[in-house]
Amino acid sequence: MITSYSRTLSEREAKVLSSLSYAGKTIFTTKDLKEFTDKPKNLLDWLVRKKWIQKIKKGTYLIAPLEAGTKGAANYTVHSFILASVLVEPYYIAYASALNYHGLTDQTPSATYVATTKPRNSKTILNTKIKFVTIPPHKIFGTEETEIENRKINISSKEKTIIDCLDHPEHCGGIEEVAKALYFAKNDLDPTKLVSYAQKIGNKTVLKRLGYLTEKLGMEKVLKTLSTLPLSAGYSLLDCSMKKRGPIVEKWKLVINVPIDPAKWLT
């Protein structure tokens, strides 16, 4: 009877792990074990006890490499985007995390933000906090694939990241962070996509916010198109996470409850 957490592998266990690793399945599911055993639970229990694998969610596990040391999976993790990608479908990396990935902010998010259509509570796994933001299916567009540690990850494009953050500034550090991203990346953003995505997302307030900010930041190509679009009646907040007080800009039907001053970003 084994009473310690020995990392010694049996011949069968070594074959299973090496085969999975060779196939690029450092994150695997119980289904992947069917070719090796008809009793995957027993095999999984031993590998977890020996700290060669770590459970990510029900039926999904992470293999610890040799360089993880004697503590094995307990001392090892993978990129937070990879963890997020196996937790829910459909999904994409979004908001503050996408802003940071694209170099649109110098702020480091306190969590990995994941947009998905399925309500999920935030969770911490392998010392990584993951925050799920539930969105309707029609808002899943404008994403692209990026490769991280040999795995393909869905993430919002630069333009869609901006629009998502205008839709929910509370998930990116506030409207000023979006304004900064627009200002410093304005020559790298596609004006046509920005306007198209702002219309497609289905939140009329996004058009107002984008219009006000692009006018404030001198983004004439975007502003020219936005100025021809009808705006919804009533007044919206520039930043929905802040107090409902401030001057009104009639042209964009916005309450400017957060000052936007590009000059101070350059000092």
Protein backbone atom coordinates (compact mmCIF):
# COMPACT_ATOMS: atom_id res chain seq x y z
CA MET A 1 0.00 0.00 0.00
CA ILE A 2 1.34 3.43 -0.99
CA THR A 3 0.95 5.91 1.85
CA SER A 4 3.13 8.77 0.57
CA TYR A 5 2.75 11.07 -2.42
CA SER A 6 5.51 9.36 -4.39
CA ARG A 7 6.05 10.68 -7.91
CA THR A 8 7.36 7.32 -9.12
CA LEU A 9 5.43 6.19 -12.16
CA SER A 10 4.47 2.68 -13.07
CA GLU A 11 5.24 1.52 -16.61
CA ARG A 12 1.62 1.98 -17.64
CA GLU A 13 1.36 5.45 -16.08
CA ALA A 14 4.57 6.56 -17.78
CA LYS A 15 3.28 5.29 -21.13
CA VAL A 16 -0.01 7.15 -20.73
CA LEU A 17 1.59 10.47 -19.80
CA SER A 18 4.31 10.28 -22.45
CA SER A 19 1.73 9.38 -25.13
CA LEU A 20 -0.53 12.27 -24.16
CA SER A 21 2.39 14.71 -24.01
CA TYR A 22 3.72 13.54 -27.38
CA ALA A 23 0.25 14.14 -28.86
CA GLY A 24 0.30 17.71 -27.48
CA LYS A 25 -2.39 16.95 -24.92
CA THR A 26 -0.81 18.50 -21.85
CA ILE A 27 -4.41 19.33 -20.97
CA PHE A 28 -6.52 16.23 -21.48
CA THR A 29 -9.94 14.78 -20.68
CA THR A 30 -11.07 11.40 -19.37
CA LYS A 31 -12.12 10.53 -22.94
CA ASP A 32 -8.47 10.73 -23.99
CA LEU A 33 -7.72 7.81 -21.65
CA LYS A 34 -10.12 5.35 -23.26
CA GLU A 35 -7.44 3.90 -25.53
CA PHE A 36 -5.31 3.11 -22.48
CA THR A 37 -7.78 1.78 -19.92
CA ASP A 38 -11.44 0.94 -19.37
CA LYS A 39 -11.15 2.24 -15.80
CA PRO A 40 -9.84 5.80 -16.16
CA LYS A 41 -10.92 6.83 -12.66
CA ASN A 42 -8.40 4.53 -10.97
CA LEU A 43 -5.59 5.78 -13.21
CA LEU A 44 -6.54 9.41 -12.65
CA ASP A 45 -6.72 8.98 -8.88
CA TRP A 46 -3.18 7.61 -8.76
CA LEU A 47 -1.76 10.28 -11.05
CA VAL A 48 -3.39 13.03 -8.98
CA ARG A 49 -2.04 11.50 -5.74
CA LYS A 50 1.45 11.32 -7.23
CA LYS A 51 1.05 14.95 -8.36
CA TRP A 52 1.73 14.23 -11.99
CA ILE A 53 -1.60 15.75 -12.99
CA GLN A 54 -3.84 18.50 -11.62
CA LYS A 55 -7.61 18.65 -11.96
CA ILE A 56 -8.81 21.78 -13.77
CA LYS A 57 -12.51 20.92 -13.88
CA LYS A 58 -14.59 17.77 -13.90
CA GLY A 59 -13.07 15.42 -16.44
CA THR A 60 -10.23 17.78 -17.46
CA TYR A 61 -6.65 17.57 -16.19
CA LEU A 62 -3.26 19.24 -16.61
CA ILE A 63 -0.03 17.24 -16.93
CA ALA A 64 2.92 18.59 -14.94
CA PRO A 65 6.24 18.51 -16.84
CA LEU A 66 9.45 17.14 -15.36
CA GLU A 67 10.73 20.66 -14.73
CA ALA A 68 7.89 21.21 -12.26
CA GLY A 69 10.14 19.56 -9.66
CA THR A 70 9.30 17.25 -6.80
CA LYS A 71 6.02 19.03 -6.05
CA GLY A 72 4.74 18.16 -9.50
CA ALA A 73 1.39 19.58 -10.60
CA ALA A 74 0.98 21.36 -7.27
CA ASN A 75 3.93 23.57 -8.25
CA TYR A 76 2.99 24.18 -11.87
CA THR A 77 0.48 26.13 -13.92
CA VAL A 78 -0.05 27.27 -17.50
CA HIS A 79 -0.92 30.57 -19.13
CA SER A 80 -4.19 31.92 -17.75
CA PHE A 81 -5.67 32.20 -21.26
CA ILE A 82 -5.19 28.46 -21.75
CA LEU A 83 -6.92 27.67 -18.48
CA ALA A 84 -9.81 29.95 -19.41
CA SER A 85 -10.14 28.36 -22.84
CA VAL A 86 -10.95 24.90 -21.47
CA LEU A 87 -13.47 25.98 -18.86
CA VAL A 88 -16.40 27.05 -21.02
CA GLU A 89 -17.71 27.14 -24.60
CA PRO A 90 -18.28 29.37 -26.45
CA TYR A 91 -15.75 31.87 -25.12
CA TYR A 92 -13.17 34.48 -25.97
CA ILE A 93 -10.60 36.43 -23.94
CA ALA A 94 -12.00 39.94 -23.56
CA TYR A 95 -12.12 43.32 -21.83
CA ALA A 96 -9.14 44.19 -19.61
CA SER A 97 -7.31 40.98 -20.53
CA ALA A 98 -7.61 41.64 -24.27
CA LEU A 99 -6.63 45.29 -23.78
CA ASN A 100 -3.48 44.17 -22.02
CA TYR A 101 -2.70 41.43 -24.55
CA HIS A 102 -2.94 43.86 -27.50
CA GLY A 103 -0.76 46.41 -25.73
CA LEU A 104 -3.65 48.86 -25.45
CA THR A 105 -3.12 49.45 -21.74
CA ASP A 106 -0.24 49.33 -19.30
CA GLN A 107 -2.55 48.10 -16.55
CA THR A 108 -2.22 44.47 -15.48
CA PRO A 109 -5.67 42.93 -14.90
CA SER A 110 -6.33 41.38 -11.52
CA ALA A 111 -8.17 38.55 -13.27
CA THR A 112 -8.47 36.94 -16.68
CA TYR A 113 -11.67 38.19 -18.31
CA VAL A 114 -13.65 35.70 -20.38
CA ALA A 115 -16.75 36.53 -22.40
CA THR A 116 -19.22 33.66 -22.71
CA THR A 117 -22.92 33.08 -23.25
CA LYS A 118 -23.23 30.82 -20.20
CA PRO A 119 -23.61 32.34 -16.71
CA ARG A 120 -20.65 31.28 -14.59
CA ASN A 121 -19.34 32.43 -11.24
CA SER A 122 -15.80 33.74 -11.07
CA LYS A 123 -13.33 31.14 -9.90
CA THR A 124 -9.71 30.75 -8.93
CA ILE A 125 -7.90 27.77 -10.35
CA LEU A 126 -4.17 27.02 -10.14
CA ASN A 127 -3.77 30.41 -8.42
CA THR A 128 -5.35 32.14 -11.41
CA LYS A 129 -8.54 34.19 -10.98
CA ILE A 130 -10.90 33.93 -13.92
CA LYS A 131 -13.87 36.27 -14.27
CA PHE A 132 -16.67 35.25 -16.61
CA VAL A 133 -18.80 37.95 -18.23
CA THR A 134 -22.10 36.72 -19.63
CA ILE A 135 -23.04 38.22 -23.00
CA PRO A 136 -25.83 37.40 -25.48
CA PRO A 137 -24.86 35.24 -28.48
CA HIS A 138 -25.12 38.14 -30.95
CA LYS A 139 -22.16 39.84 -29.27
CA ILE A 140 -19.78 37.01 -30.11
CA PHE A 141 -18.05 38.35 -33.21
CA GLY A 142 -14.85 40.17 -34.10
CA THR A 143 -12.62 37.54 -32.53
CA GLU A 144 -9.37 36.05 -33.76
CA GLU A 145 -7.17 33.09 -32.95
CA THR A 146 -3.80 33.49 -31.29
CA GLU A 147 -1.37 30.75 -30.36
CA ILE A 148 -0.12 30.52 -26.79
CA GLU A 149 2.08 27.64 -25.65
CA ASN A 150 1.11 25.68 -28.78
CA ARG A 151 -2.62 26.04 -28.15
CA LYS A 152 -5.06 28.15 -30.16
CA ILE A 153 -6.91 30.73 -28.07
CA ASN A 154 -9.90 32.89 -29.03
CA ILE A 155 -9.44 36.58 -28.22
CA SER A 156 -11.22 39.74 -29.30
CA SER A 157 -9.49 41.74 -32.04
CA LYS A 158 -8.18 45.22 -31.24
CA GLU A 159 -11.29 46.88 -32.65
CA LYS A 160 -13.71 44.49 -30.95
CA THR A 161 -11.84 44.91 -27.65
CA ILE A 162 -12.39 48.67 -27.83
CA ILE A 163 -16.09 48.21 -28.59
CA ASP A 164 -16.55 45.62 -25.84
CA CYS A 165 -14.93 47.99 -23.36
CA LEU A 166 -17.22 50.81 -24.47
CA ASP A 167 -20.12 48.42 -23.92
CA HIS A 168 -18.88 47.49 -20.43
CA PRO A 169 -16.24 49.97 -19.20
CA GLU A 170 -16.54 48.46 -15.72
CA HIS A 171 -14.65 45.41 -16.98
CA CYS A 172 -11.61 47.32 -18.22
CA GLY A 173 -10.80 49.84 -15.50
CA GLY A 174 -13.23 52.54 -16.60
CA ILE A 175 -13.90 54.71 -19.62
CA GLU A 176 -10.60 56.58 -19.31
CA GLU A 177 -8.69 53.36 -20.00
CA VAL A 178 -10.72 52.93 -23.21
CA ALA A 179 -10.03 56.55 -24.16
CA LYS A 180 -6.30 56.03 -23.65
CA ALA A 181 -6.39 52.87 -25.77
CA LEU A 182 -8.14 54.74 -28.57
CA TYR A 183 -5.73 57.66 -28.36
CA PHE A 184 -2.46 55.75 -28.41
CA ALA A 185 -3.58 53.11 -30.94
CA LYS A 186 -5.65 55.31 -33.26
CA ASN A 187 -3.25 54.80 -36.17
CA ASP A 188 -3.42 51.02 -35.77
CA LEU A 189 -7.19 50.69 -35.59
CA ASP A 190 -9.46 50.10 -38.57
CA PRO A 191 -12.05 52.95 -38.57
CA THR A 192 -14.54 50.94 -40.64
CA LYS A 193 -14.42 48.01 -38.23
CA LEU A 194 -14.80 50.26 -35.20
CA VAL A 195 -18.01 51.79 -36.53
CA SER A 196 -19.35 48.50 -37.88
CA TYR A 197 -18.73 46.72 -34.58
CA ALA A 198 -20.24 49.62 -32.61
CA GLN A 199 -23.44 49.21 -34.62
CA LYS A 200 -23.46 45.42 -34.52
CA ILE A 201 -23.05 45.11 -30.76
CA GLY A 202 -26.59 46.42 -30.31
CA ASN A 203 -26.02 48.96 -27.53
CA LYS A 204 -26.84 52.49 -28.73
CA THR A 205 -24.83 53.97 -25.87
CA VAL A 206 -21.68 52.51 -27.45
CA LEU A 207 -22.23 54.74 -30.50
CA LYS A 208 -22.57 57.77 -28.23
CA ARG A 209 -19.42 56.97 -26.28
CA LEU A 210 -17.41 56.21 -29.40
CA GLY A 211 -18.63 59.40 -31.05
CA TYR A 212 -17.74 61.60 -28.10
CA LEU A 213 -14.31 60.03 -27.61
CA THR A 214 -13.30 60.06 -31.26
CA GLU A 215 -14.31 63.73 -31.49
CA LYS A 216 -12.35 64.49 -28.33
CA LEU A 217 -9.33 62.58 -29.62
CA GLY A 218 -9.36 63.93 -33.18
CA MET A 219 -10.15 60.65 -34.93
CA GLU A 220 -11.73 62.23 -37.97
CA LYS A 221 -12.25 59.11 -40.11
CA VAL A 222 -14.33 57.45 -37.40
CA LEU A 223 -16.10 60.66 -36.46
CA LYS A 224 -17.16 61.41 -40.04
CA THR A 225 -19.16 58.16 -40.24
CA LEU A 226 -20.53 58.33 -36.71
CA SER A 227 -21.85 61.85 -37.21
CA THR A 228 -24.28 60.54 -39.86
CA LEU A 229 -25.79 57.85 -37.65
CA PRO A 230 -28.97 58.38 -35.62
CA LEU A 231 -28.61 58.30 -31.83
CA SER A 232 -31.12 56.92 -29.37
CA ALA A 233 -33.29 59.30 -27.40
CA GLY A 234 -32.43 60.08 -23.81
CA TYR A 235 -29.10 60.67 -22.16
CA SER A 236 -26.49 58.06 -21.29
CA LEU A 237 -23.53 58.08 -18.95
CA LEU A 238 -20.06 58.25 -20.40
CA ASP A 239 -18.98 55.80 -17.68
CA CYS A 240 -21.74 53.63 -16.21
CA SER A 241 -19.58 52.68 -13.23
CA MET A 242 -19.21 56.26 -11.98
CA LYS A 243 -21.53 58.81 -10.34
CA LYS A 244 -24.41 60.13 -12.42
CA ARG A 245 -23.25 63.74 -12.33
CA GLY A 246 -21.50 65.93 -14.89
CA PRO A 247 -22.02 68.27 -17.85
CA ILE A 248 -24.16 67.18 -20.77
CA VAL A 249 -22.92 67.09 -24.35
CA GLU A 250 -26.09 67.51 -26.36
CA LYS A 251 -24.55 66.40 -29.66
CA TRP A 252 -23.84 62.94 -28.29
CA LYS A 253 -26.55 62.88 -25.63
CA LEU A 254 -24.01 61.98 -22.98
CA VAL A 255 -23.50 62.93 -19.35
CA ILE A 256 -19.75 63.45 -19.07
CA ASN A 257 -19.24 62.07 -15.58
CA VAL A 258 -15.53 61.38 -16.20
CA PRO A 259 -13.20 64.07 -17.60
CA ILE A 260 -11.21 63.03 -20.68
CA ASP A 261 -8.01 65.03 -21.06
CA PRO A 262 -5.40 63.60 -23.49
CA ALA A 263 -2.88 66.27 -22.48
CA LYS A 264 -2.36 64.72 -19.06
CA TRP A 265 -1.58 61.30 -20.56
CA LEU A 266 1.54 62.72 -22.21
CA THR A 267 3.11 64.12 -19.06
